[in-house]
Protein backbone atom coordinates (compact mmCIF):
# COMPACT_ATOMS: atom_id res chain seq x y z
CA UNK A 1 60.72 203.74 48.70
CA UNK A 2 64.70 204.04 48.25
CA UNK A 3 66.05 205.61 45.06
CA UNK A 4 68.77 203.37 43.58
CA UNK A 5 72.07 204.54 42.95
CA UNK A 6 76.15 203.85 42.50
CA UNK A 7 76.66 206.41 45.60
CA UNK A 8 77.55 205.48 49.11
CA UNK A 9 74.28 207.19 50.24
CA UNK A 10 70.86 206.32 50.03
CA UNK A 11 67.78 208.40 49.54
CA UNK A 12 64.12 208.04 50.91
CA UNK A 13 60.98 209.44 49.17
CA UNK A 14 58.49 210.85 51.72
CA UNK A 15 55.60 212.76 50.89
CA UNK A 16 54.76 213.75 47.66
CA UNK A 17 52.20 216.51 47.18
CA UNK A 18 51.16 218.49 44.15
CA UNK A 19 51.56 222.50 44.32
CA UNK A 20 49.41 224.74 42.28
CA UNK A 21 49.13 228.21 42.10
CA UNK A 22 47.29 229.98 45.08
CA UNK A 23 44.71 231.65 42.76
CA UNK A 24 42.49 230.04 40.60
CA UNK A 25 43.01 230.60 36.38
CA UNK A 26 40.95 229.98 33.31
CA UNK A 27 42.31 226.97 31.64
CA UNK A 28 43.71 227.96 28.21
CA UNK A 29 46.29 227.12 25.75
CA UNK A 30 49.71 228.70 25.12
CA UNK A 31 51.40 227.63 21.91
CA UNK A 32 55.09 227.15 21.85
CA UNK A 33 57.01 229.61 19.73
CA UNK A 34 59.08 228.58 16.82
CA UNK A 35 62.35 228.75 18.92
CA UNK A 36 60.64 226.53 21.48
CA UNK A 37 60.08 224.02 18.79
CA UNK A 38 63.89 223.96 18.07
CA UNK A 39 64.04 221.90 21.05
CA UNK A 40 64.11 218.26 21.84
CA UNK A 41 62.20 216.79 24.59
CA UNK A 42 64.78 217.02 27.49
CA UNK A 43 64.61 218.05 31.02
CA UNK A 44 66.86 220.15 32.78
CA UNK A 45 68.12 220.24 36.22
CA UNK A 46 69.11 222.47 38.88
CA UNK A 47 69.89 222.16 42.71
CA UNK A 48 70.97 224.25 45.75
CA UNK A 49 72.62 222.96 49.13
CA UNK A 50 72.43 224.79 51.98
CA UNK A 51 73.87 224.46 55.21
CA UNK A 52 71.91 223.82 58.56
CA UNK A 53 70.71 226.98 59.99
CA UNK A 54 72.05 228.72 62.74
CA UNK A 55 68.82 229.10 64.34
CA UNK A 56 67.73 225.53 64.15
CA UNK A 57 65.13 225.64 66.18
CA UNK A 58 63.23 228.10 64.22
CA UNK A 59 63.78 226.75 60.72
CA UNK A 60 63.18 222.89 61.29
CA UNK A 61 62.56 220.74 58.22
CA UNK A 62 58.73 220.99 58.18
CA UNK A 63 58.98 224.67 58.49
CA UNK A 64 61.40 225.00 55.80
CA UNK A 65 59.07 222.43 53.07
CA UNK A 66 56.20 224.75 54.17
CA UNK A 67 57.79 228.03 53.42
CA UNK A 68 58.97 226.69 49.99
CA UNK A 69 55.61 225.28 49.10
CA UNK A 70 53.87 228.51 49.84
CA UNK A 71 56.20 230.51 48.07
CA UNK A 72 56.00 228.27 45.11
CA UNK A 73 52.04 228.72 45.09
CA UNK A 74 52.29 232.10 45.09
CA UNK A 75 55.09 232.26 42.35
CA UNK A 76 53.10 229.86 40.18
CA UNK A 77 50.31 232.59 39.63
CA UNK A 78 52.54 234.81 37.49
CA UNK A 79 54.82 231.80 36.19
CA UNK A 80 51.35 229.55 35.27
CA UNK A 81 53.32 228.09 32.52
CA UNK A 82 55.50 225.88 35.05
CA UNK A 83 51.82 224.59 36.59
CA UNK A 84 50.61 223.29 32.98
CA UNK A 85 51.36 220.46 30.90
CA UNK A 86 52.78 219.97 27.54
CA UNK A 87 49.94 218.60 25.21
CA UNK A 88 50.22 217.29 21.55
CA UNK A 89 48.11 219.37 19.39
CA UNK A 90 46.62 218.28 15.98
CA UNK A 91 49.25 219.27 13.88
CA UNK A 92 51.42 216.72 16.01
CA UNK A 93 53.53 219.41 17.85
CA UNK A 94 53.93 220.06 21.41
CA UNK A 95 51.72 222.95 22.92
CA UNK A 96 50.88 224.00 26.59
CA UNK A 97 48.06 223.55 28.01
CA UNK A 98 47.96 226.01 31.03
CA UNK A 99 45.10 224.34 33.63
CA UNK A 100 47.03 224.59 36.89
CA UNK A 101 47.92 221.07 37.08
CA UNK A 102 50.77 222.02 39.48
CA UNK A 103 53.95 221.19 40.49
CA UNK A 104 55.01 217.56 41.75
CA UNK A 105 56.59 218.83 44.87
CA UNK A 106 58.90 215.83 46.72
CA UNK A 107 60.12 215.14 50.39
CA UNK A 108 62.97 213.39 50.82
CA UNK A 109 65.92 212.26 53.06
CA UNK A 110 69.13 211.51 52.37
CA UNK A 111 71.69 209.48 54.53
CA UNK A 112 74.50 211.88 54.33
CA UNK A 113 76.11 215.05 55.24
CA UNK A 114 76.38 217.87 53.24
CA UNK A 115 80.22 217.94 53.70
CA UNK A 116 80.39 214.68 52.23
CA UNK A 117 78.70 214.99 49.18
CA UNK A 118 80.80 214.41 46.12
CA UNK A 119 79.75 217.42 43.82
CA UNK A 120 82.92 216.92 41.70
CA UNK A 121 81.19 213.87 40.46
CA UNK A 122 77.41 214.45 39.97
CA UNK A 123 76.92 211.09 38.26
CA UNK A 124 77.14 209.75 41.73
CA UNK A 125 76.15 212.33 44.28
CA UNK A 126 73.16 214.39 42.12
CA UNK A 127 71.85 212.22 39.63
CA UNK A 128 68.66 210.50 40.14
CA UNK A 129 68.89 211.35 43.83
CA UNK A 130 68.63 214.83 44.72
CA UNK A 131 67.42 216.29 41.52
CA UNK A 132 64.23 214.36 40.63
CA UNK A 133 63.19 212.68 37.73
CA UNK A 134 60.30 214.79 36.32
CA UNK A 135 57.21 211.98 35.34
CA UNK A 136 54.25 214.60 34.95
CA UNK A 137 53.65 218.33 33.88
CA UNK A 138 56.73 220.70 33.25
CA UNK A 139 58.04 221.24 36.68
CA UNK A 140 59.06 218.83 39.52
CA UNK A 141 60.86 219.91 42.67
CA UNK A 142 62.76 217.85 45.32
CA UNK A 143 63.44 218.92 48.76
CA UNK A 144 66.07 216.79 50.41
CA UNK A 145 66.85 216.61 54.63
CA UNK A 146 70.60 215.48 54.69
CA UNK A 147 71.92 214.21 57.97
CA UNK A 148 72.65 216.88 60.71
CA UNK A 149 70.24 219.27 59.19
CA UNK A 150 71.52 220.36 55.63
CA UNK A 151 69.10 220.81 52.78
CA UNK A 152 69.25 220.13 49.01
CA UNK A 153 66.59 221.70 46.98
CA UNK A 154 66.30 220.38 43.41
CA UNK A 155 64.15 221.04 40.54
CA UNK A 156 63.65 219.84 36.81
CA UNK A 157 61.69 221.74 33.93
CA UNK A 158 60.89 221.03 30.29
CA UNK A 159 63.43 222.75 28.21
CA UNK A 160 60.62 223.18 25.43
CA UNK A 161 58.90 225.56 28.10
CA UNK A 162 61.80 227.51 29.12
CA UNK A 163 65.59 228.01 28.70
CA UNK A 164 67.93 229.32 31.92
CA UNK A 165 66.92 232.49 31.66
CA UNK A 166 63.38 231.86 32.15
CA UNK A 167 63.77 229.32 34.94
CA UNK A 168 66.26 232.06 36.55
CA UNK A 169 63.57 234.67 36.50
CA UNK A 170 61.19 232.02 37.95
CA UNK A 171 63.55 230.92 40.88
CA UNK A 172 64.48 234.70 41.74
CA UNK A 173 60.46 235.09 41.99
CA UNK A 174 60.13 232.01 44.36
CA UNK A 175 62.36 233.17 46.82
CA UNK A 176 61.00 236.75 46.44
CA UNK A 177 57.67 235.04 47.46
CA UNK A 178 59.32 233.54 50.22
CA UNK A 179 60.66 236.56 51.75
CA UNK A 180 56.94 238.35 51.86
CA UNK A 181 57.58 240.98 49.00
CA UNK A 182 54.79 242.21 47.86
CA UNK A 183 55.74 242.63 44.02
CA UNK A 184 57.83 240.55 42.05
CA UNK A 185 60.98 242.43 40.61
CA UNK A 186 60.58 241.22 36.99
CA UNK A 187 57.22 239.45 35.91
CA UNK A 188 57.31 237.57 32.82
CA UNK A 189 55.85 238.04 29.38
CA UNK A 190 54.35 235.26 27.55
CA UNK A 191 53.68 237.48 24.63
CA UNK A 192 54.12 234.97 21.78
CA UNK A 193 53.71 237.66 18.93
CA UNK A 194 56.99 239.00 20.08
CA UNK A 195 58.71 235.84 18.07
CA UNK A 196 56.04 235.34 15.18
CA UNK A 197 57.48 234.97 11.72
CA UNK A 198 57.49 237.48 9.09
CA UNK A 199 55.18 237.16 6.06
CA UNK A 200 56.68 236.64 3.81
CA UNK A 201 59.58 234.78 5.60
CA UNK A 202 63.20 234.57 4.53
CA UNK A 203 66.27 233.17 5.41
CA UNK A 204 70.03 232.67 4.84
CA UNK A 205 70.97 229.16 3.47
CA UNK A 206 73.65 229.19 5.67
CA UNK A 207 70.67 228.45 8.79
CA UNK A 208 70.55 224.65 6.94
CA UNK A 209 74.01 224.10 7.95
CA UNK A 210 72.84 225.17 11.57
CA UNK A 211 69.65 223.50 11.63
CA UNK A 212 68.31 220.16 10.63
CA UNK A 213 64.92 218.74 10.26
CA UNK A 214 64.97 215.38 12.87
CA UNK A 215 64.08 213.01 9.24
CA UNK A 216 67.31 214.51 7.79
CA UNK A 217 69.25 212.75 10.44
CA UNK A 218 70.61 209.40 10.20
CA UNK A 219 69.29 206.91 13.22
CA UNK A 220 70.76 206.95 16.07
CA UNK A 221 73.44 204.32 17.13
CA UNK A 222 72.99 202.07 19.62
CA UNK A 223 75.23 202.62 22.68
CA UNK A 224 75.86 199.44 24.82
CA UNK A 225 74.63 199.91 28.38
CA UNK A 226 77.08 199.66 31.17
CA UNK A 227 79.68 200.83 28.86
CA UNK A 228 82.90 202.26 30.70
CA UNK A 229 85.02 203.08 27.90
CA UNK A 230 86.60 206.63 26.72
CA UNK A 231 82.73 207.27 24.71
CA UNK A 232 80.81 206.93 27.88
CA UNK A 233 78.88 210.58 28.61
CA UNK A 234 80.28 211.54 32.41
CA UNK A 235 79.40 214.98 34.39
CA UNK A 236 81.71 216.39 36.49
CA UNK A 237 81.80 219.77 38.18
CA UNK A 238 85.04 221.82 38.41
CA UNK A 239 85.87 225.28 39.69
CA UNK A 240 88.35 227.93 38.18
CA UNK A 241 90.13 230.31 40.01
CA UNK A 242 89.80 233.97 39.33
CA UNK A 243 93.47 234.69 38.47
CA UNK A 244 93.67 231.74 35.79
CA UNK A 245 90.38 232.63 33.69
CA UNK A 246 92.48 236.41 33.88
CA UNK A 247 95.60 234.46 32.59
CA UNK A 248 93.56 232.62 30.31
CA UNK A 249 92.07 235.78 28.68
CA UNK A 250 95.25 237.55 28.39
CA UNK A 251 96.77 234.43 26.20
CA UNK A 252 93.44 234.18 24.13
CA UNK A 253 93.54 238.45 23.42
CA UNK A 254 97.57 237.78 22.51
CA UNK A 255 96.91 238.85 18.91
CA UNK A 256 95.83 242.13 19.63
CA UNK A 257 91.98 241.76 19.97
CA UNK A 258 90.71 241.64 23.44
CA UNK A 259 88.39 238.36 23.96
CA UNK A 260 85.73 237.79 26.63
CA UNK A 261 86.58 235.06 29.30
CA UNK A 262 84.02 233.46 27.84
CA UNK A 263 85.40 233.35 24.48
CA UNK A 264 88.98 232.55 26.07
CA UNK A 265 87.46 229.92 28.10
CA UNK A 266 85.39 228.15 25.00
CA UNK A 267 88.91 228.12 23.06
CA UNK A 268 90.73 226.00 25.61
CA UNK A 269 87.76 223.37 25.89
CA UNK A 270 87.73 223.22 22.16
CA UNK A 271 91.59 222.56 21.72
CA UNK A 272 91.38 220.32 24.82
CA UNK A 273 88.16 218.45 23.11
CA UNK A 274 90.18 218.09 19.55
CA UNK A 275 93.17 216.92 21.30
CA UNK A 276 91.52 213.80 22.51
CA UNK A 277 90.66 212.75 19.13
CA UNK A 278 93.40 210.20 18.05
CA UNK A 279 96.42 212.13 16.16
CA UNK A 280 96.60 212.26 12.44
CA UNK A 281 92.87 212.14 11.86
CA UNK A 282 91.43 214.42 9.34
CA UNK A 283 88.36 215.13 10.94
CA UNK A 284 87.22 218.28 12.44
CA UNK A 285 85.97 219.14 15.63
CA UNK A 286 82.88 221.43 16.62
CA UNK A 287 82.40 224.13 19.15
CA UNK A 288 79.04 225.50 19.24
CA UNK A 289 78.14 228.52 21.79
CA UNK A 290 74.70 229.15 22.93
CA UNK A 291 73.13 232.46 22.31
CA UNK A 292 70.44 234.45 24.04
CA UNK A 293 68.53 236.59 21.86
CA UNK A 294 66.23 238.89 23.90
CA UNK A 295 68.59 242.02 23.76
CA UNK A 296 68.85 241.13 19.89
CA UNK A 297 65.48 240.73 19.35
CA UNK A 298 64.86 244.05 21.04
CA UNK A 299 67.35 246.17 19.17
CA UNK A 300 65.98 249.47 17.60
CA UNK A 301 62.47 248.78 19.67
CA UNK A 302 61.62 250.93 23.05
CA UNK A 303 59.04 251.20 25.38
CA UNK A 304 56.65 247.97 25.95
CA UNK A 305 57.80 246.03 23.38
CA UNK A 306 61.32 245.97 24.65
CA UNK A 307 60.31 245.65 28.28
CA UNK A 308 58.40 242.53 27.01
CA UNK A 309 60.99 240.97 25.18
CA UNK A 310 63.36 241.28 28.03
CA UNK A 311 61.40 239.54 30.40
CA UNK A 312 60.19 236.79 27.98
CA UNK A 313 59.57 233.47 29.22
CA UNK A 314 60.26 230.53 26.96
CA UNK A 315 63.26 229.69 24.51
CA UNK A 316 65.03 232.67 22.72
CA UNK A 317 68.43 230.82 21.90
CA UNK A 318 70.77 230.16 18.88
CA UNK A 319 73.29 227.75 18.73
CA UNK A 320 75.94 228.59 16.12
CA UNK A 321 78.99 226.54 16.05
CA UNK A 322 82.74 226.67 14.57
CA UNK A 323 83.90 223.98 12.77
CA UNK A 324 88.13 223.75 12.15
CA UNK A 325 90.47 220.69 11.87
CA UNK A 326 91.82 219.05 14.43
CA UNK A 327 95.16 219.20 13.69
CA UNK A 328 94.78 222.81 13.06
CA UNK A 329 93.19 223.34 16.66
CA UNK A 330 96.05 221.65 18.06
CA UNK A 331 98.50 223.41 16.27
CA UNK A 332 97.57 226.96 16.45
CA UNK A 333 97.85 229.53 19.54
CA UNK A 334 95.00 229.80 21.78
CA UNK A 335 94.50 233.28 20.36
CA UNK A 336 93.57 231.88 16.83
CA UNK A 337 91.34 229.48 18.42
CA UNK A 338 89.59 232.57 20.37
CA UNK A 339 89.13 234.33 17.44
CA UNK A 340 87.27 231.43 15.70
CA UNK A 341 84.91 231.64 18.48
CA UNK A 342 84.42 235.08 18.45
CA UNK A 343 83.49 234.64 14.55
CA UNK A 344 81.20 231.81 15.70
CA UNK A 345 79.49 234.13 18.28
CA UNK A 346 79.36 237.11 15.76
CA UNK A 347 77.20 235.30 13.09
CA UNK A 348 74.19 235.18 15.94
CA UNK A 349 74.78 238.55 17.65
CA UNK A 350 72.18 240.10 15.06
CA UNK A 351 68.41 240.89 15.06
CA UNK A 352 68.66 239.56 11.72
CA UNK A 353 69.61 236.19 12.89
CA UNK A 354 66.89 235.63 15.07
CA UNK A 355 64.11 236.63 13.01
CA UNK A 356 65.61 234.44 10.29
CA UNK A 357 65.87 231.28 12.65
CA UNK A 358 62.10 232.19 13.61
CA UNK A 359 61.23 232.07 9.75
CA UNK A 360 63.64 229.25 8.89
CA UNK A 361 61.60 226.90 11.60
CA UNK A 362 58.04 228.17 9.96
CA UNK A 363 59.38 226.92 6.40
CA UNK A 364 59.92 223.27 8.05
CA UNK A 365 56.85 223.43 10.09
CA UNK A 366 55.12 220.87 11.50
CA UNK A 367 58.42 219.03 10.67
CA UNK A 368 60.35 218.81 13.93
CA UNK A 369 64.02 219.97 13.61
CA UNK A 370 67.04 220.80 16.24
CA UNK A 371 70.36 222.74 16.16
CA UNK A 372 72.85 220.41 14.13
CA UNK A 373 75.20 220.28 16.56
CA UNK A 374 73.08 218.29 19.31
CA UNK A 375 73.02 215.44 16.89
CA UNK A 376 76.73 215.97 16.14
CA UNK A 377 77.98 211.84 15.48
CA UNK A 378 81.42 210.53 15.96
CA UNK A 379 81.97 209.79 12.19
CA UNK A 380 81.86 213.80 11.80
CA UNK A 381 84.23 214.32 14.53
CA UNK A 382 84.08 215.33 18.35
CA UNK A 383 81.66 218.27 19.18
CA UNK A 384 81.21 220.45 22.47
CA UNK A 385 78.49 223.11 23.35
CA UNK A 386 79.31 225.97 25.82
CA UNK A 387 76.57 227.27 27.31
CA UNK A 388 77.30 230.72 29.58
CA UNK A 389 75.83 230.73 33.13
CA UNK A 390 77.06 233.72 34.50
CA UNK A 391 73.20 234.89 35.54
CA UNK A 392 72.75 232.00 37.42
CA UNK A 393 71.16 233.47 40.71
CA UNK A 394 73.19 231.25 43.30
CA UNK A 395 73.71 234.24 45.55
CA UNK A 396 70.23 235.30 45.48
CA UNK A 397 68.52 232.08 46.70
CA UNK A 398 68.34 232.95 50.04
CA UNK A 399 64.59 231.91 51.18
CA UNK A 400 65.04 232.93 54.59
CA UNK A 401 67.26 230.51 56.08
CA UNK A 402 70.50 231.93 54.46
CA UNK A 403 72.15 231.52 51.26
CA UNK A 404 73.11 228.40 49.08
CA UNK A 405 76.77 227.10 49.80
CA UNK A 406 76.64 225.50 46.67
CA UNK A 407 74.68 225.61 43.72
CA UNK A 408 74.51 224.45 39.98
CA UNK A 409 72.57 223.53 36.86
CA UNK A 410 72.39 219.58 36.13
CA UNK A 411 71.72 218.82 32.19
CA UNK A 412 73.07 215.49 31.03
CA UNK A 413 71.43 216.52 28.24
CA UNK A 414 71.13 213.75 25.79
CA UNK A 415 73.02 215.22 22.80
CA UNK A 416 75.97 213.65 21.05
CA UNK A 417 77.95 216.65 21.67
CA UNK A 418 79.71 217.79 24.85
CA UNK A 419 77.70 220.17 27.18
CA UNK A 420 79.75 222.91 29.71
CA UNK A 421 78.43 225.59 31.40
CA UNK A 422 80.39 227.77 33.67
CA UNK A 423 78.67 229.42 36.25
CA UNK A 424 79.42 232.19 39.29
CA UNK A 425 80.94 230.57 42.11
CA UNK A 426 79.02 230.82 45.45
CA UNK A 427 82.41 231.88 46.84
CA UNK A 428 81.87 235.04 45.32
CA UNK A 429 85.55 235.94 44.73
CA UNK A 430 85.36 236.01 40.72
CA UNK A 431 86.03 232.22 40.63
CA UNK A 432 84.11 230.19 38.52
CA UNK A 433 81.73 226.89 38.81
CA UNK A 434 81.80 224.63 35.57
CA UNK A 435 79.45 222.09 34.56
CA UNK A 436 80.39 219.65 32.01
CA UNK A 437 79.00 216.57 30.41
CA UNK A 438 81.68 214.84 27.96
CA UNK A 439 83.18 212.13 26.94
CA UNK A 440 85.31 209.99 29.70
CA UNK A 441 88.17 210.41 27.38
CA UNK A 442 87.89 214.00 26.84
CA UNK A 443 87.44 214.50 30.58
CA UNK A 444 90.31 212.91 31.61
CA UNK A 445 92.40 214.85 29.18
CA UNK A 446 90.44 218.08 30.68
CA UNK A 447 92.18 216.91 33.77
CA UNK A 448 95.70 216.61 32.68
CA UNK A 449 96.55 219.21 30.04
CA UNK A 450 93.99 221.29 32.09
CA UNK A 451 94.97 220.29 35.75
CA UNK A 452 95.89 224.11 36.18
CA UNK A 453 92.70 225.48 35.19
CA UNK A 454 90.10 222.89 35.74
CA UNK A 455 90.25 222.10 39.82
CA UNK A 456 87.64 219.26 41.07
CA UNK A 457 84.75 220.48 43.16
CA UNK A 458 85.53 220.09 47.05
CA UNK A 459 84.08 220.85 50.28
CA UNK A 460 86.55 222.33 51.38
CA UNK A 461 86.98 224.95 48.64
CA UNK A 462 82.94 225.77 49.36
CA UNK A 463 84.01 226.03 53.13
CA UNK A 464 81.77 223.11 54.09
CA UNK A 465 82.52 221.95 57.36
């Protein structure tokens, strides 16, 4: 069958198989943690692009697919959550049924050369073509053969079951099984008691400003289908050179406080998003930063508990956000905005914050809730969320036929706020690759005001010939 799309190439789906864990397991239920319950039902995509193997007589498409399937069946023994199903329990909450249902695994062929893929515009080249749409289970995989022997491995997983840290653990383990390693470098921990609420629970009222029950949200605004205006959310991928990142960091640290590259980058994005709103507006602009709580929740712990927390599989995230007047963000220097980003991050960098967030969810169950910035509306002003993907294991994804020439998350997340994820460049020179999902008008401003920083990703940059 053909997969429809607006790009200049077609994709034909071939064989479909369900890959289950190679060892049988006893069916059991695995409850989602309170932090899992803060995630709406959204899927996350990730993909890796490979050149035609030099020894192509050894690495044909059929052989590579067999390696991927066998290694996945082995990895799913430890990562059994990805082979299960999400089912609604009697309280109306999602719960994971670990039944080894398996992973939908698709083989496909794309009538395009690797160097012809428009990676700068994943809406055209990736969406609905090279990253599968998950219809059942928790994880779906599509392996696509390109003309002249290139390969794309695309995955889609349910965010309610795993965050990026958890997905990265699985990806690395999948590769290790393909490399015939006898022991995985990191075994996942599913010990939900690590995220149990306290009794009695308590939380700071400020969490009511960060998270909100879904029933308290206004009804979603209907968007016109096929819109091409500035209010259309689109995805783009850029690269940022290492020297430009260093320069940005220097500007962000001009007030005397050294700021990280992520803080400097987030400050720049915040300023540009603010500038995309009509001048004279008295609206505010929000900047959210995704914070991983694994190291925070293990503060003061030692031994087995700390080890389990460091390998915890699930969602351990918080999204604190800052809010500033648009005029202020435009007028103030980058260092001032970077200090505001730093203050936003400090809110969630403690063990107490995550313990209180767990208690906040418990106090509102079974009412579903989510991060308030996810549902930001136009009436409240523009908003954007930055999530660091610096631990994205692009260099480690060698299944036996070479490292990928490119890899990225693909996450048009469905929220009203924009979403941005910087990742390490596969070139390995300190550059960043940045996935952006934002309003068209914001993206156009990024490409004008930030043209020196954001360079459209091309096959020339990736040395794909």
